[in-house]
Amino acid sequence: HSFICVPDGIRFCEAEQCRNGPLLVFAG
């Protein structure tokens, strides 16, 4: 139950969708 914060890059993502359009996913 113990953790350490390691600043070796921050993970992120995006998801976006228009009505009647495809769901698009980005990450980085």
mmCIF file of all heavy atoms, coordinates in Angstrom:
data_MODEL
# 
_entry.id   MODEL 
# 
loop_
_atom_site.group_PDB 
_atom_site.id 
_atom_site.type_symbol 
_atom_site.label_atom_id 
_atom_site.label_alt_id 
_atom_site.label_comp_id 
_atom_site.label_asym_id 
_atom_site.label_entity_id 
_atom_site.label_seq_id 
_atom_site.pdbx_PDB_ins_code 
_atom_site.Cartn_x 
_atom_site.Cartn_y 
_atom_site.Cartn_z 
_atom_site.occupancy 
_atom_site.B_iso_or_equiv 
_atom_site.pdbx_formal_charge 
_atom_site.auth_seq_id 
_atom_site.auth_comp_id 
_atom_site.auth_asym_id 
_atom_site.auth_atom_id 
_atom_site.pdbx_PDB_model_num 
ATOM 1   N N   . HIS A 1 1  ? 0.796   -1.233 0.000   1.00 0.00 ? 1  HIS A N   1 
ATOM 2   C CA  . HIS A 1 1  ? 0.000   0.000  0.000   1.00 0.00 ? 1  HIS A CA  1 
ATOM 3   C C   . HIS A 1 1  ? 0.832   1.289  0.000   1.00 0.00 ? 1  HIS A C   1 
ATOM 4   O O   . HIS A 1 1  ? 0.311   2.356  0.315   1.00 0.00 ? 1  HIS A O   1 
ATOM 5   C CB  . HIS A 1 1  ? -0.949  0.031  1.221   1.00 0.00 ? 1  HIS A CB  1 
ATOM 6   C CG  . HIS A 1 1  ? -0.242  0.002  2.545   1.00 0.00 ? 1  HIS A CG  1 
ATOM 7   N ND1 . HIS A 1 1  ? -0.365  -1.031 3.424   1.00 0.00 ? 1  HIS A ND1 1 
ATOM 8   C CD2 . HIS A 1 1  ? 0.606   0.871  3.140   1.00 0.00 ? 1  HIS A CD2 1 
ATOM 9   C CE1 . HIS A 1 1  ? 0.352   -0.799 4.497   1.00 0.00 ? 1  HIS A CE1 1 
ATOM 10  N NE2 . HIS A 1 1  ? 0.958   0.356  4.336   1.00 0.00 ? 1  HIS A NE2 1 
ATOM 11  N N   . SER A 1 2  ? 2.110   1.205  -0.376  1.00 0.00 ? 2  SER A N   1 
ATOM 12  C CA  . SER A 1 2  ? 2.948   2.403  -0.408  1.00 0.00 ? 2  SER A CA  1 
ATOM 13  C C   . SER A 1 2  ? 3.471   2.652  -1.813  1.00 0.00 ? 2  SER A C   1 
ATOM 14  O O   . SER A 1 2  ? 3.808   1.707  -2.543  1.00 0.00 ? 2  SER A O   1 
ATOM 15  C CB  . SER A 1 2  ? 4.112   2.274  0.574   1.00 0.00 ? 2  SER A CB  1 
ATOM 16  O OG  . SER A 1 2  ? 3.638   2.268  1.907   1.00 0.00 ? 2  SER A OG  1 
ATOM 17  N N   . PHE A 1 3  ? 3.571   3.939  -2.168  1.00 0.00 ? 3  PHE A N   1 
ATOM 18  C CA  . PHE A 1 3  ? 3.915   4.324  -3.533  1.00 0.00 ? 3  PHE A CA  1 
ATOM 19  C C   . PHE A 1 3  ? 4.910   5.485  -3.503  1.00 0.00 ? 3  PHE A C   1 
ATOM 20  O O   . PHE A 1 3  ? 5.025   6.205  -2.517  1.00 0.00 ? 3  PHE A O   1 
ATOM 21  C CB  . PHE A 1 3  ? 2.647   4.741  -4.300  1.00 0.00 ? 3  PHE A CB  1 
ATOM 22  C CG  . PHE A 1 3  ? 1.602   3.666  -4.350  1.00 0.00 ? 3  PHE A CG  1 
ATOM 23  C CD1 . PHE A 1 3  ? 0.699   3.492  -3.307  1.00 0.00 ? 3  PHE A CD1 1 
ATOM 24  C CD2 . PHE A 1 3  ? 1.525   2.807  -5.440  1.00 0.00 ? 3  PHE A CD2 1 
ATOM 25  C CE1 . PHE A 1 3  ? -0.267  2.492  -3.341  1.00 0.00 ? 3  PHE A CE1 1 
ATOM 26  C CE2 . PHE A 1 3  ? 0.564   1.804  -5.485  1.00 0.00 ? 3  PHE A CE2 1 
ATOM 27  C CZ  . PHE A 1 3  ? -0.323  1.649  -4.439  1.00 0.00 ? 3  PHE A CZ  1 
ATOM 28  N N   . ILE A 1 4  ? 5.621   5.649  -4.610  1.00 0.00 ? 4  ILE A N   1 
ATOM 29  C CA  . ILE A 1 4  ? 6.555   6.756  -4.767  1.00 0.00 ? 4  ILE A CA  1 
ATOM 30  C C   . ILE A 1 4  ? 6.264   7.447  -6.097  1.00 0.00 ? 4  ILE A C   1 
ATOM 31  O O   . ILE A 1 4  ? 5.978   6.784  -7.095  1.00 0.00 ? 4  ILE A O   1 
ATOM 32  C CB  . ILE A 1 4  ? 8.023   6.257  -4.698  1.00 0.00 ? 4  ILE A CB  1 
ATOM 33  C CG1 . ILE A 1 4  ? 8.994   7.438  -4.795  1.00 0.00 ? 4  ILE A CG1 1 
ATOM 34  C CG2 . ILE A 1 4  ? 8.307   5.232  -5.790  1.00 0.00 ? 4  ILE A CG2 1 
ATOM 35  C CD1 . ILE A 1 4  ? 10.445  7.033  -4.521  1.00 0.00 ? 4  ILE A CD1 1 
ATOM 36  N N   . CYS A 1 5  ? 6.324   8.761  -6.097  1.00 0.00 ? 5  CYS A N   1 
ATOM 37  C CA  . CYS A 1 5  ? 6.071   9.534  -7.316  1.00 0.00 ? 5  CYS A CA  1 
ATOM 38  C C   . CYS A 1 5  ? 7.393   9.695  -8.061  1.00 0.00 ? 5  CYS A C   1 
ATOM 39  O O   . CYS A 1 5  ? 8.332   10.304 -7.552  1.00 0.00 ? 5  CYS A O   1 
ATOM 40  C CB  . CYS A 1 5  ? 5.476   10.897 -6.971  1.00 0.00 ? 5  CYS A CB  1 
ATOM 41  S SG  . CYS A 1 5  ? 4.860   11.807 -8.412  1.00 0.00 ? 5  CYS A SG  1 
ATOM 42  N N   . VAL A 1 6  ? 7.453   9.110  -9.256  1.00 0.00 ? 6  VAL A N   1 
ATOM 43  C CA  . VAL A 1 6  ? 8.689   9.096  -10.041 1.00 0.00 ? 6  VAL A CA  1 
ATOM 44  C C   . VAL A 1 6  ? 8.475   9.933  -11.304 1.00 0.00 ? 6  VAL A C   1 
ATOM 45  O O   . VAL A 1 6  ? 7.718   9.538  -12.189 1.00 0.00 ? 6  VAL A O   1 
ATOM 46  C CB  . VAL A 1 6  ? 9.091   7.660  -10.426 1.00 0.00 ? 6  VAL A CB  1 
ATOM 47  C CG1 . VAL A 1 6  ? 10.385  7.656  -11.214 1.00 0.00 ? 6  VAL A CG1 1 
ATOM 48  C CG2 . VAL A 1 6  ? 9.230   6.801  -9.169  1.00 0.00 ? 6  VAL A CG2 1 
ATOM 49  N N   . PRO A 1 7  ? 9.133   11.086 -11.407 1.00 0.00 ? 7  PRO A N   1 
ATOM 50  C CA  . PRO A 1 7  ? 8.899   11.977 -12.556 1.00 0.00 ? 7  PRO A CA  1 
ATOM 51  C C   . PRO A 1 7  ? 9.659   11.533 -13.800 1.00 0.00 ? 7  PRO A C   1 
ATOM 52  O O   . PRO A 1 7  ? 10.585  12.204 -14.255 1.00 0.00 ? 7  PRO A O   1 
ATOM 53  C CB  . PRO A 1 7  ? 9.395   13.330 -12.040 1.00 0.00 ? 7  PRO A CB  1 
ATOM 54  C CG  . PRO A 1 7  ? 10.488  12.972 -11.077 1.00 0.00 ? 7  PRO A CG  1 
ATOM 55  C CD  . PRO A 1 7  ? 10.068  11.683 -10.422 1.00 0.00 ? 7  PRO A CD  1 
ATOM 56  N N   . ASP A 1 8  ? 9.290   10.367 -14.348 1.00 0.00 ? 8  ASP A N   1 
ATOM 57  C CA  . ASP A 1 8  ? 9.974   9.881  -15.547 1.00 0.00 ? 8  ASP A CA  1 
ATOM 58  C C   . ASP A 1 8  ? 9.048   9.939  -16.759 1.00 0.00 ? 8  ASP A C   1 
ATOM 59  O O   . ASP A 1 8  ? 9.001   9.035  -17.577 1.00 0.00 ? 8  ASP A O   1 
ATOM 60  C CB  . ASP A 1 8  ? 10.506  8.464  -15.332 1.00 0.00 ? 8  ASP A CB  1 
ATOM 61  C CG  . ASP A 1 8  ? 9.416   7.471  -14.961 1.00 0.00 ? 8  ASP A CG  1 
ATOM 62  O OD1 . ASP A 1 8  ? 8.266   7.904  -14.764 1.00 0.00 ? 8  ASP A OD1 1 
ATOM 63  O OD2 . ASP A 1 8  ? 9.702   6.262  -14.893 1.00 0.00 ? 8  ASP A OD2 1 
ATOM 64  N N   . GLY A 1 9  ? 8.322   11.044 -16.866 1.00 0.00 ? 9  GLY A N   1 
ATOM 65  C CA  . GLY A 1 9  ? 7.384   11.247 -17.962 1.00 0.00 ? 9  GLY A CA  1 
ATOM 66  C C   . GLY A 1 9  ? 5.954   11.098 -17.492 1.00 0.00 ? 9  GLY A C   1 
ATOM 67  O O   . GLY A 1 9  ? 5.647   10.251 -16.653 1.00 0.00 ? 9  GLY A O   1 
ATOM 68  N N   . ILE A 1 10 ? 5.086   11.947 -18.024 1.00 0.00 ? 10 ILE A N   1 
ATOM 69  C CA  . ILE A 1 10 ? 3.675   11.942 -17.636 1.00 0.00 ? 10 ILE A CA  1 
ATOM 70  C C   . ILE A 1 10 ? 2.856   11.333 -18.767 1.00 0.00 ? 10 ILE A C   1 
ATOM 71  O O   . ILE A 1 10 ? 2.920   11.779 -19.921 1.00 0.00 ? 10 ILE A O   1 
ATOM 72  C CB  . ILE A 1 10 ? 3.190   13.369 -17.337 1.00 0.00 ? 10 ILE A CB  1 
ATOM 73  C CG1 . ILE A 1 10 ? 3.921   13.909 -16.101 1.00 0.00 ? 10 ILE A CG1 1 
ATOM 74  C CG2 . ILE A 1 10 ? 1.680   13.400 -17.121 1.00 0.00 ? 10 ILE A CG2 1 
ATOM 75  C CD1 . ILE A 1 10 ? 3.613   15.357 -15.798 1.00 0.00 ? 10 ILE A CD1 1 
ATOM 76  N N   . ARG A 1 11 ? 2.078   10.334 -18.431 1.00 0.00 ? 11 ARG A N   1 
ATOM 77  C CA  . ARG A 1 11 ? 1.201   9.681  -19.400 1.00 0.00 ? 11 ARG A CA  1 
ATOM 78  C C   . ARG A 1 11 ? -0.083  10.489 -19.548 1.00 0.00 ? 11 ARG A C   1 
ATOM 79  O O   . ARG A 1 11 ? -0.648  10.974 -18.576 1.00 0.00 ? 11 ARG A O   1 
ATOM 80  C CB  . ARG A 1 11 ? 0.889   8.264  -18.938 1.00 0.00 ? 11 ARG A CB  1 
ATOM 81  C CG  . ARG A 1 11 ? -0.034  7.494  -19.880 1.00 0.00 ? 11 ARG A CG  1 
ATOM 82  C CD  . ARG A 1 11 ? -0.266  6.085  -19.377 1.00 0.00 ? 11 ARG A CD  1 
ATOM 83  N NE  . ARG A 1 11 ? -1.230  5.356  -20.197 1.00 0.00 ? 11 ARG A NE  1 
ATOM 84  C CZ  . ARG A 1 11 ? -1.591  4.098  -19.993 1.00 0.00 ? 11 ARG A CZ  1 
ATOM 85  N NH1 . ARG A 1 11 ? -1.053  3.425  -18.980 1.00 0.00 ? 11 ARG A NH1 1 
ATOM 86  N NH2 . ARG A 1 11 ? -2.469  3.518  -20.784 1.00 0.00 ? 11 ARG A NH2 1 
ATOM 87  N N   . PHE A 1 12 ? -0.556  10.616 -20.797 1.00 0.00 ? 12 PHE A N   1 
ATOM 88  C CA  . PHE A 1 12 ? -1.819  11.310 -21.029 1.00 0.00 ? 12 PHE A CA  1 
ATOM 89  C C   . PHE A 1 12 ? -2.539  10.667 -22.198 1.00 0.00 ? 12 PHE A C   1 
ATOM 90  O O   . PHE A 1 12 ? -1.979  9.880  -22.965 1.00 0.00 ? 12 PHE A O   1 
ATOM 91  C CB  . PHE A 1 12 ? -1.594  12.808 -21.296 1.00 0.00 ? 12 PHE A CB  1 
ATOM 92  C CG  . PHE A 1 12 ? -0.927  13.111 -22.609 1.00 0.00 ? 12 PHE A CG  1 
ATOM 93  C CD1 . PHE A 1 12 ? -1.672  13.318 -23.765 1.00 0.00 ? 12 PHE A CD1 1 
ATOM 94  C CD2 . PHE A 1 12 ? 0.453   13.193 -22.705 1.00 0.00 ? 12 PHE A CD2 1 
ATOM 95  C CE1 . PHE A 1 12 ? -1.066  13.596 -24.981 1.00 0.00 ? 12 PHE A CE1 1 
ATOM 96  C CE2 . PHE A 1 12 ? 1.079   13.472 -23.914 1.00 0.00 ? 12 PHE A CE2 1 
ATOM 97  C CZ  . PHE A 1 12 ? 0.315   13.673 -25.049 1.00 0.00 ? 12 PHE A CZ  1 
ATOM 98  N N   . CYS A 1 13 ? -3.809  10.999 -22.345 1.00 0.00 ? 13 CYS A N   1 
ATOM 99  C CA  . CYS A 1 13 ? -4.583  10.511 -23.491 1.00 0.00 ? 13 CYS A CA  1 
ATOM 100 C C   . CYS A 1 13 ? -5.710  11.477 -23.786 1.00 0.00 ? 13 CYS A C   1 
ATOM 101 O O   . CYS A 1 13 ? -6.055  12.332 -22.962 1.00 0.00 ? 13 CYS A O   1 
ATOM 102 C CB  . CYS A 1 13 ? -5.133  9.103  -23.235 1.00 0.00 ? 13 CYS A CB  1 
ATOM 103 S SG  . CYS A 1 13 ? -6.536  9.071  -22.104 1.00 0.00 ? 13 CYS A SG  1 
ATOM 104 N N   . GLU A 1 14 ? -6.287  11.347 -24.967 1.00 0.00 ? 14 GLU A N   1 
ATOM 105 C CA  . GLU A 1 14 ? -7.459  12.109 -25.378 1.00 0.00 ? 14 GLU A CA  1 
ATOM 106 C C   . GLU A 1 14 ? -8.415  11.180 -26.109 1.00 0.00 ? 14 GLU A C   1 
ATOM 107 O O   . GLU A 1 14 ? -7.985  10.280 -26.841 1.00 0.00 ? 14 GLU A O   1 
ATOM 108 C CB  . GLU A 1 14 ? -7.088  13.260 -26.324 1.00 0.00 ? 14 GLU A CB  1 
ATOM 109 C CG  . GLU A 1 14 ? -6.278  14.369 -25.696 1.00 0.00 ? 14 GLU A CG  1 
ATOM 110 C CD  . GLU A 1 14 ? -5.887  15.426 -26.710 1.00 0.00 ? 14 GLU A CD  1 
ATOM 111 O OE1 . GLU A 1 14 ? -6.206  15.264 -27.896 1.00 0.00 ? 14 GLU A OE1 1 
ATOM 112 O OE2 . GLU A 1 14 ? -5.239  16.405 -26.305 1.00 0.00 ? 14 GLU A OE2 1 
ATOM 113 N N   . ALA A 1 15 ? -9.686  11.404 -25.895 1.00 0.00 ? 15 ALA A N   1 
ATOM 114 C CA  . ALA A 1 15 ? -10.715 10.735 -26.688 1.00 0.00 ? 15 ALA A CA  1 
ATOM 115 C C   . ALA A 1 15 ? -11.692 11.802 -27.145 1.00 0.00 ? 15 ALA A C   1 
ATOM 116 O O   . ALA A 1 15 ? -12.037 12.704 -26.381 1.00 0.00 ? 15 ALA A O   1 
ATOM 117 C CB  . ALA A 1 15 ? -11.432 9.661  -25.874 1.00 0.00 ? 15 ALA A CB  1 
ATOM 118 N N   . GLU A 1 16 ? -12.129 11.719 -28.388 1.00 0.00 ? 16 GLU A N   1 
ATOM 119 C CA  . GLU A 1 16 ? -13.086 12.708 -28.892 1.00 0.00 ? 16 GLU A CA  1 
ATOM 120 C C   . GLU A 1 16 ? -14.058 12.040 -29.850 1.00 0.00 ? 16 GLU A C   1 
ATOM 121 O O   . GLU A 1 16 ? -13.718 11.063 -30.527 1.00 0.00 ? 16 GLU A O   1 
ATOM 122 C CB  . GLU A 1 16 ? -12.374 13.879 -29.563 1.00 0.00 ? 16 GLU A CB  1 
ATOM 123 C CG  . GLU A 1 16 ? -11.532 13.534 -30.765 1.00 0.00 ? 16 GLU A CG  1 
ATOM 124 C CD  . GLU A 1 16 ? -10.889 14.758 -31.392 1.00 0.00 ? 16 GLU A CD  1 
ATOM 125 O OE1 . GLU A 1 16 ? -10.655 15.753 -30.678 1.00 0.00 ? 16 GLU A OE1 1 
ATOM 126 O OE2 . GLU A 1 16 ? -10.636 14.709 -32.611 1.00 0.00 ? 16 GLU A OE2 1 
ATOM 127 N N   . GLN A 1 17 ? -15.260 12.589 -29.859 1.00 0.00 ? 17 GLN A N   1 
ATOM 128 C CA  . GLN A 1 17 ? -16.297 12.004 -30.702 1.00 0.00 ? 17 GLN A CA  1 
ATOM 129 C C   . GLN A 1 17 ? -17.303 13.054 -31.108 1.00 0.00 ? 17 GLN A C   1 
ATOM 130 O O   . GLN A 1 17 ? -17.733 13.874 -30.291 1.00 0.00 ? 17 GLN A O   1 
ATOM 131 C CB  . GLN A 1 17 ? -17.006 10.860 -29.956 1.00 0.00 ? 17 GLN A CB  1 
ATOM 132 C CG  . GLN A 1 17 ? -18.008 10.106 -30.817 1.00 0.00 ? 17 GLN A CG  1 
ATOM 133 C CD  . GLN A 1 17 ? -18.565 8.883  -30.133 1.00 0.00 ? 17 GLN A CD  1 
ATOM 134 O OE1 . GLN A 1 17 ? -18.454 8.740  -28.923 1.00 0.00 ? 17 GLN A OE1 1 
ATOM 135 N NE2 . GLN A 1 17 ? -19.168 7.984  -30.899 1.00 0.00 ? 17 GLN A NE2 1 
ATOM 136 N N   . CYS A 1 18 ? -17.663 13.036 -32.373 1.00 0.00 ? 18 CYS A N   1 
ATOM 137 C CA  . CYS A 1 18 ? -18.792 13.810 -32.877 1.00 0.00 ? 18 CYS A CA  1 
ATOM 138 C C   . CYS A 1 18 ? -19.996 12.875 -32.975 1.00 0.00 ? 18 CYS A C   1 
ATOM 139 O O   . CYS A 1 18 ? -19.843 11.677 -33.221 1.00 0.00 ? 18 CYS A O   1 
ATOM 140 C CB  . CYS A 1 18 ? -18.500 14.404 -34.255 1.00 0.00 ? 18 CYS A CB  1 
ATOM 141 S SG  . CYS A 1 18 ? -17.303 15.757 -34.248 1.00 0.00 ? 18 CYS A SG  1 
ATOM 142 N N   . ARG A 1 19 ? -21.176 13.437 -32.786 1.00 0.00 ? 19 ARG A N   1 
ATOM 143 C CA  . ARG A 1 19 ? -22.376 12.613 -32.911 1.00 0.00 ? 19 ARG A CA  1 
ATOM 144 C C   . ARG A 1 19 ? -22.446 12.011 -34.318 1.00 0.00 ? 19 ARG A C   1 
ATOM 145 O O   . ARG A 1 19 ? -22.214 12.697 -35.311 1.00 0.00 ? 19 ARG A O   1 
ATOM 146 C CB  . ARG A 1 19 ? -23.621 13.448 -32.603 1.00 0.00 ? 19 ARG A CB  1 
ATOM 147 C CG  . ARG A 1 19 ? -24.891 12.615 -32.518 1.00 0.00 ? 19 ARG A CG  1 
ATOM 148 C CD  . ARG A 1 19 ? -26.012 13.374 -31.831 1.00 0.00 ? 19 ARG A CD  1 
ATOM 149 N NE  . ARG A 1 19 ? -25.712 13.649 -30.429 1.00 0.00 ? 19 ARG A NE  1 
ATOM 150 C CZ  . ARG A 1 19 ? -25.849 12.774 -29.438 1.00 0.00 ? 19 ARG A CZ  1 
ATOM 151 N NH1 . ARG A 1 19 ? -26.243 11.527 -29.712 1.00 0.00 ? 19 ARG A NH1 1 
ATOM 152 N NH2 . ARG A 1 19 ? -25.579 13.115 -28.193 1.00 0.00 ? 19 ARG A NH2 1 
ATOM 153 N N   . ASN A 1 20 ? -22.709 10.740 -34.384 1.00 0.00 ? 20 ASN A N   1 
ATOM 154 C CA  . ASN A 1 20 ? -22.742 9.975  -35.638 1.00 0.00 ? 20 ASN A CA  1 
ATOM 155 C C   . ASN A 1 20 ? -21.366 9.836  -36.292 1.00 0.00 ? 20 ASN A C   1 
ATOM 156 O O   . ASN A 1 20 ? -21.268 9.472  -37.465 1.00 0.00 ? 20 ASN A O   1 
ATOM 157 C CB  . ASN A 1 20 ? -23.725 10.598 -36.637 1.00 0.00 ? 20 ASN A CB  1 
ATOM 158 C CG  . ASN A 1 20 ? -25.143 10.663 -36.095 1.00 0.00 ? 20 ASN A CG  1 
ATOM 159 O OD1 . ASN A 1 20 ? -25.588 9.741  -35.413 1.00 0.00 ? 20 ASN A OD1 1 
ATOM 160 N ND2 . ASN A 1 20 ? -25.837 11.761 -36.364 1.00 0.00 ? 20 ASN A ND2 1 
ATOM 161 N N   . GLY A 1 21 ? -20.319 10.133 -35.523 1.00 0.00 ? 21 GLY A N   1 
ATOM 162 C CA  . GLY A 1 21 ? -18.957 9.988  -36.048 1.00 0.00 ? 21 GLY A CA  1 
ATOM 163 C C   . GLY A 1 21 ? -18.177 8.972  -35.247 1.00 0.00 ? 21 GLY A C   1 
ATOM 164 O O   . GLY A 1 21 ? -18.629 8.481  -34.205 1.00 0.00 ? 21 GLY A O   1 
ATOM 165 N N   . PRO A 1 22 ? -16.985 8.613  -35.714 1.00 0.00 ? 22 PRO A N   1 
ATOM 166 C CA  . PRO A 1 22 ? -16.176 7.611  -35.010 1.00 0.00 ? 22 PRO A CA  1 
ATOM 167 C C   . PRO A 1 22 ? -15.586 8.164  -33.718 1.00 0.00 ? 22 PRO A C   1 
ATOM 168 O O   . PRO A 1 22 ? -15.353 9.373  -33.591 1.00 0.00 ? 22 PRO A O   1 
ATOM 169 C CB  . PRO A 1 22 ? -15.071 7.286  -36.023 1.00 0.00 ? 22 PRO A CB  1 
ATOM 170 C CG  . PRO A 1 22 ? -14.931 8.543  -36.823 1.00 0.00 ? 22 PRO A CG  1 
ATOM 171 C CD  . PRO A 1 22 ? -16.315 9.118  -36.930 1.00 0.00 ? 22 PRO A CD  1 
ATOM 172 N N   . LEU A 1 23 ? -15.354 7.281  -32.782 1.00 0.00 ? 23 LEU A N   1 
ATOM 173 C CA  . LEU A 1 23 ? -14.654 7.629  -31.553 1.00 0.00 ? 23 LEU A CA  1 
ATOM 174 C C   . LEU A 1 23 ? -13.158 7.550  -31.821 1.00 0.00 ? 23 LEU A C   1 
ATOM 175 O O   . LEU A 1 23 ? -12.646 6.496  -32.220 1.00 0.00 ? 23 LEU A O   1 
ATOM 176 C CB  . LEU A 1 23 ? -15.043 6.674  -30.428 1.00 0.00 ? 23 LEU A CB  1 
ATOM 177 C CG  . LEU A 1 23 ? -14.314 6.830  -29.099 1.00 0.00 ? 23 LEU A CG  1 
ATOM 178 C CD1 . LEU A 1 23 ? -14.580 8.190  -28.482 1.00 0.00 ? 23 LEU A CD1 1 
ATOM 179 C CD2 . LEU A 1 23 ? -14.718 5.723  -28.139 1.00 0.00 ? 23 LEU A CD2 1 
ATOM 180 N N   . LEU A 1 24 ? -12.446 8.664  -31.656 1.00 0.00 ? 24 LEU A N   1 
ATOM 181 C CA  . LEU A 1 24 ? -11.016 8.735  -31.923 1.00 0.00 ? 24 LEU A CA  1 
ATOM 182 C C   . LEU A 1 24 ? -10.243 8.776  -30.614 1.00 0.00 ? 24 LEU A C   1 
ATOM 183 O O   . LEU A 1 24 ? -10.647 9.466  -29.676 1.00 0.00 ? 24 LEU A O   1 
ATOM 184 C CB  . LEU A 1 24 ? -10.684 9.962  -32.769 1.00 0.00 ? 24 LEU A CB  1 
ATOM 185 C CG  . LEU A 1 24 ? -11.416 10.078 -34.115 1.00 0.00 ? 24 LEU A CG  1 
ATOM 186 C CD1 . LEU A 1 24 ? -11.011 11.372 -34.827 1.00 0.00 ? 24 LEU A CD1 1 
ATOM 187 C CD2 . LEU A 1 24 ? -11.131 8.871  -34.993 1.00 0.00 ? 24 LEU A CD2 1 
ATOM 188 N N   . VAL A 1 25 ? -9.145  8.037  -30.564 1.00 0.00 ? 25 VAL A N   1 
ATOM 189 C CA  . VAL A 1 25 ? -8.352  7.949  -29.343 1.00 0.00 ? 25 VAL A CA  1 
ATOM 190 C C   . VAL A 1 25 ? -6.903  8.317  -29.650 1.00 0.00 ? 25 VAL A C   1 
ATOM 191 O O   . VAL A 1 25 ? -6.323  7.853  -30.631 1.00 0.00 ? 25 VAL A O   1 
ATOM 192 C CB  . VAL A 1 25 ? -8.418  6.531  -28.735 1.00 0.00 ? 25 VAL A CB  1 
ATOM 193 C CG1 . VAL A 1 25 ? -7.572  6.457  -27.466 1.00 0.00 ? 25 VAL A CG1 1 
ATOM 194 C CG2 . VAL A 1 25 ? -9.864  6.153  -28.420 1.00 0.00 ? 25 VAL A CG2 1 
ATOM 195 N N   . PHE A 1 26 ? -6.344  9.170  -28.795 1.00 0.00 ? 26 PHE A N   1 
ATOM 196 C CA  . PHE A 1 26 ? -4.946  9.577  -28.869 1.00 0.00 ? 26 PHE A CA  1 
ATOM 197 C C   . PHE A 1 26 ? -4.305  9.297  -27.512 1.00 0.00 ? 26 PHE A C   1 
ATOM 198 O O   . PHE A 1 26 ? -4.986  9.295  -26.484 1.00 0.00 ? 26 PHE A O   1 
ATOM 199 C CB  . PHE A 1 26 ? -4.808  11.071 -29.191 1.00 0.00 ? 26 PHE A CB  1 
ATOM 200 C CG  . PHE A 1 26 ? -5.571  11.518 -30.405 1.00 0.00 ? 26 PHE A CG  1 
ATOM 201 C CD1 . PHE A 1 26 ? -6.924  11.837 -30.314 1.00 0.00 ? 26 PHE A CD1 1 
ATOM 202 C CD2 . PHE A 1 26 ? -4.948  11.625 -31.633 1.00 0.00 ? 26 PHE A CD2 1 
ATOM 203 C CE1 . PHE A 1 26 ? -7.640  12.250 -31.429 1.00 0.00 ? 26 PHE A CE1 1 
ATOM 204 C CE2 . PHE A 1 26 ? -5.651  12.041 -32.754 1.00 0.00 ? 26 PHE A CE2 1 
ATOM 205 C CZ  . PHE A 1 26 ? -7.000  12.349 -32.649 1.00 0.00 ? 26 PHE A CZ  1 
ATOM 206 N N   . ALA A 1 27 ? -3.013  9.075  -27.514 1.00 0.00 ? 27 ALA A N   1 
ATOM 207 C CA  . ALA A 1 27 ? -2.301  8.869  -26.255 1.00 0.00 ? 27 ALA A CA  1 
ATOM 208 C C   . ALA A 1 27 ? -0.909  9.450  -26.391 1.00 0.00 ? 27 ALA A C   1 
ATOM 209 O O   . ALA A 1 27 ? -0.468  9.811  -27.489 1.00 0.00 ? 27 ALA A O   1 
ATOM 210 C CB  . ALA A 1 27 ? -2.237  7.381  -25.899 1.00 0.00 ? 27 ALA A CB  1 
ATOM 211 N N   . GLY A 1 28 ? -0.213  9.559  -25.254 1.00 0.00 ? 28 GLY A N   1 
ATOM 212 C CA  . GLY A 1 28 ? 1.126   10.120 -25.345 1.00 0.00 ? 28 GLY A CA  1 
ATOM 213 C C   . GLY A 1 28 ? 1.847   10.170 -24.022 1.00 0.00 ? 28 GLY A C   1 
ATOM 214 O O   . GLY A 1 28 ? 1.360   9.720  -22.982 1.00 0.00 ? 28 GLY A O   1 
# 
